[in-house]
Amino acid sequence: MKYIINTRQDLNKIQGTPEYNEFIILLKGTMSRKQNIQTYPDNYNEPNYDGEKLEPIWTDIEDLSTIERFEFTKEDFDMAITTINKRAYDYL
């Protein structure tokens, strides 16, 4: 069965189901993002730039905006993941 999940309340209604676990895992993937922290000269992207090519420097940045839209804090979310992991081990 497909569920439409727009709010924390929608998610709570399916707690304990595989769909809930899948959605929580997907939300976990939104908790960080890659960001390029390389410093580029002002004219780097212009056609007449003749300096050296600079490679991006990628770093992970914590971004909790998506889980916060579902009314989770980082601590709440960690507890939800722990619960999912415990259920998974209970089946083994």
C-alpha atoms as a PDB file:
ATOM      1  CA  MET A   1       0.000   0.000   0.000  1.00  0.00           C
ATOM      2  CA  LYS A   2       1.265   3.482  -0.847  1.00  0.00           C
ATOM      3  CA  TYR A   3       1.058   6.197   1.766  1.00  0.00           C
ATOM      4  CA  ILE A   4       1.167   9.939   1.266  1.00  0.00           C
ATOM      5  CA  ILE A   5       3.402  11.406   3.939  1.00  0.00           C
ATOM      6  CA  ASN A   6       3.305  15.187   4.246  1.00  0.00           C
ATOM      7  CA  THR A   7       3.493  15.664   8.004  1.00  0.00           C
ATOM      8  CA  ARG A   8       4.779  14.059  11.170  1.00  0.00           C
ATOM      9  CA  GLN A   9       1.207  12.994  11.916  1.00  0.00           C
ATOM     10  CA  ASP A  10       1.049  11.127   8.584  1.00  0.00           C
ATOM     11  CA  LEU A  11       4.294   9.401   9.464  1.00  0.00           C
ATOM     12  CA  ASN A  12       3.145   8.505  12.981  1.00  0.00           C
ATOM     13  CA  LYS A  13       0.054   6.766  11.550  1.00  0.00           C
ATOM     14  CA  ILE A  14       2.241   4.181   9.818  1.00  0.00           C
ATOM     15  CA  GLN A  15       4.770   3.696  12.627  1.00  0.00           C
ATOM     16  CA  GLY A  16       5.876   0.085  12.895  1.00  0.00           C
ATOM     17  CA  THR A  17       5.449  -0.615   9.194  1.00  0.00           C
ATOM     18  CA  PRO A  18       8.170  -1.201   6.603  1.00  0.00           C
ATOM     19  CA  GLU A  19       7.025   2.015   4.893  1.00  0.00           C
ATOM     20  CA  TYR A  20       7.719   3.979   8.096  1.00  0.00           C
ATOM     21  CA  ASN A  21      11.195   2.480   8.343  1.00  0.00           C
ATOM     22  CA  GLU A  22      11.905   3.259   4.697  1.00  0.00           C
ATOM     23  CA  PHE A  23      10.786   6.867   5.090  1.00  0.00           C
ATOM     24  CA  ILE A  24      12.888   7.372   8.228  1.00  0.00           C
ATOM     25  CA  ILE A  25      15.937   6.017   6.404  1.00  0.00           C
ATOM     26  CA  LEU A  26      15.249   8.384   3.501  1.00  0.00           C
ATOM     27  CA  LEU A  27      14.947  11.297   5.928  1.00  0.00           C
ATOM     28  CA  LYS A  28      18.257  10.319   7.501  1.00  0.00           C
ATOM     29  CA  GLY A  29      19.879  10.804   4.113  1.00  0.00           C
ATOM     30  CA  THR A  30      18.788  14.443   4.116  1.00  0.00           C
ATOM     31  CA  MET A  31      20.612  15.319   7.330  1.00  0.00           C
ATOM     32  CA  SER A  32      23.791  16.338   5.560  1.00  0.00           C
ATOM     33  CA  ARG A  33      24.704  17.768   2.210  1.00  0.00           C
ATOM     34  CA  LYS A  34      27.920  18.235   0.276  1.00  0.00           C
ATOM     35  CA  GLN A  35      29.141  21.779  -0.173  1.00  0.00           C
ATOM     36  CA  ASN A  36      32.062  23.083  -2.179  1.00  0.00           C
ATOM     37  CA  ILE A  37      34.232  25.268   0.056  1.00  0.00           C
ATOM     38  CA  GLN A  38      36.867  26.112  -2.571  1.00  0.00           C
ATOM     39  CA  THR A  39      37.610  29.837  -2.883  1.00  0.00           C
ATOM     40  CA  TYR A  40      37.491  31.002  -6.492  1.00  0.00           C
ATOM     41  CA  PRO A  41      38.722  34.303  -7.960  1.00  0.00           C
ATOM     42  CA  ASP A  42      35.945  36.731  -8.959  1.00  0.00           C
ATOM     43  CA  ASN A  43      36.576  36.144 -12.669  1.00  0.00           C
ATOM     44  CA  TYR A  44      36.972  32.366 -12.450  1.00  0.00           C
ATOM     45  CA  ASN A  45      33.953  31.526 -14.616  1.00  0.00           C
ATOM     46  CA  GLU A  46      34.564  34.205 -17.216  1.00  0.00           C
ATOM     47  CA  PRO A  47      35.826  33.236 -20.701  1.00  0.00           C
ATOM     48  CA  ASN A  48      39.022  35.325 -20.345  1.00  0.00           C
ATOM     49  CA  TYR A  49      40.121  33.650 -17.070  1.00  0.00           C
ATOM     50  CA  ASP A  50      43.669  32.398 -17.600  1.00  0.00           C
ATOM     51  CA  GLY A  51      44.586  31.258 -14.094  1.00  0.00           C
ATOM     52  CA  GLU A  52      44.996  27.743 -12.839  1.00  0.00           C
ATOM     53  CA  LYS A  53      42.081  25.330 -12.737  1.00  0.00           C
ATOM     54  CA  LEU A  54      40.819  24.936  -9.190  1.00  0.00           C
ATOM     55  CA  GLU A  55      39.310  21.653  -8.086  1.00  0.00           C
ATOM     56  CA  PRO A  56      36.324  21.728  -5.751  1.00  0.00           C
ATOM     57  CA  ILE A  57      36.883  20.984  -2.084  1.00  0.00           C
ATOM     58  CA  TRP A  58      33.841  19.069  -0.875  1.00  0.00           C
ATOM     59  CA  THR A  59      32.800  18.913   2.744  1.00  0.00           C
ATOM     60  CA  ASP A  60      29.746  17.575   4.563  1.00  0.00           C
ATOM     61  CA  ILE A  61      27.473  20.213   6.051  1.00  0.00           C
ATOM     62  CA  GLU A  62      24.806  19.263   8.570  1.00  0.00           C
ATOM     63  CA  ASP A  63      21.373  20.313   7.282  1.00  0.00           C
ATOM     64  CA  LEU A  64      18.430  19.474   9.504  1.00  0.00           C
ATOM     65  CA  SER A  65      15.847  21.516   7.591  1.00  0.00           C
ATOM     66  CA  THR A  66      14.032  18.499   6.116  1.00  0.00           C
ATOM     67  CA  ILE A  67      13.725  16.550   9.364  1.00  0.00           C
ATOM     68  CA  GLU A  68      12.634  19.757  11.097  1.00  0.00           C
ATOM     69  CA  ARG A  69       9.777  20.066   8.560  1.00  0.00           C
ATOM     70  CA  PHE A  70       8.616  16.719   9.935  1.00  0.00           C
ATOM     71  CA  GLU A  71       8.902  18.081  13.487  1.00  0.00           C
ATOM     72  CA  PHE A  72      11.962  16.007  14.398  1.00  0.00           C
ATOM     73  CA  THR A  73      14.955  17.277  16.285  1.00  0.00           C
ATOM     74  CA  LYS A  74      18.297  15.618  15.701  1.00  0.00           C
ATOM     75  CA  GLU A  75      17.917  13.823  19.053  1.00  0.00           C
ATOM     76  CA  ASP A  76      14.378  12.616  18.202  1.00  0.00           C
ATOM     77  CA  PHE A  77      15.605  11.393  14.869  1.00  0.00           C
ATOM     78  CA  ASP A  78      18.511   9.480  16.391  1.00  0.00           C
ATOM     79  CA  MET A  79      16.010   7.696  18.661  1.00  0.00           C
ATOM     80  CA  ALA A  80      13.796   6.783  15.669  1.00  0.00           C
ATOM     81  CA  ILE A  81      16.801   5.283  13.852  1.00  0.00           C
ATOM     82  CA  THR A  82      17.782   3.319  16.964  1.00  0.00           C
ATOM     83  CA  THR A  83      14.240   1.903  17.184  1.00  0.00           C
ATOM     84  CA  ILE A  84      14.328   0.841  13.529  1.00  0.00           C
ATOM     85  CA  ASN A  85      17.727  -0.801  13.978  1.00  0.00           C
ATOM     86  CA  LYS A  86      16.538  -2.652  17.111  1.00  0.00           C
ATOM     87  CA  ARG A  87      13.494  -4.017  15.220  1.00  0.00           C
ATOM     88  CA  ALA A  88      15.732  -5.156  12.386  1.00  0.00           C
ATOM     89  CA  TYR A  89      17.931  -7.103  14.816  1.00  0.00           C
ATOM     90  CA  ASP A  90      14.874  -8.603  16.524  1.00  0.00           C
ATOM     91  CA  TYR A  91      14.019 -10.333  13.222  1.00  0.00           C
ATOM     92  CA  LEU A  92      17.436 -11.976  12.929  1.00  0.00           C
END
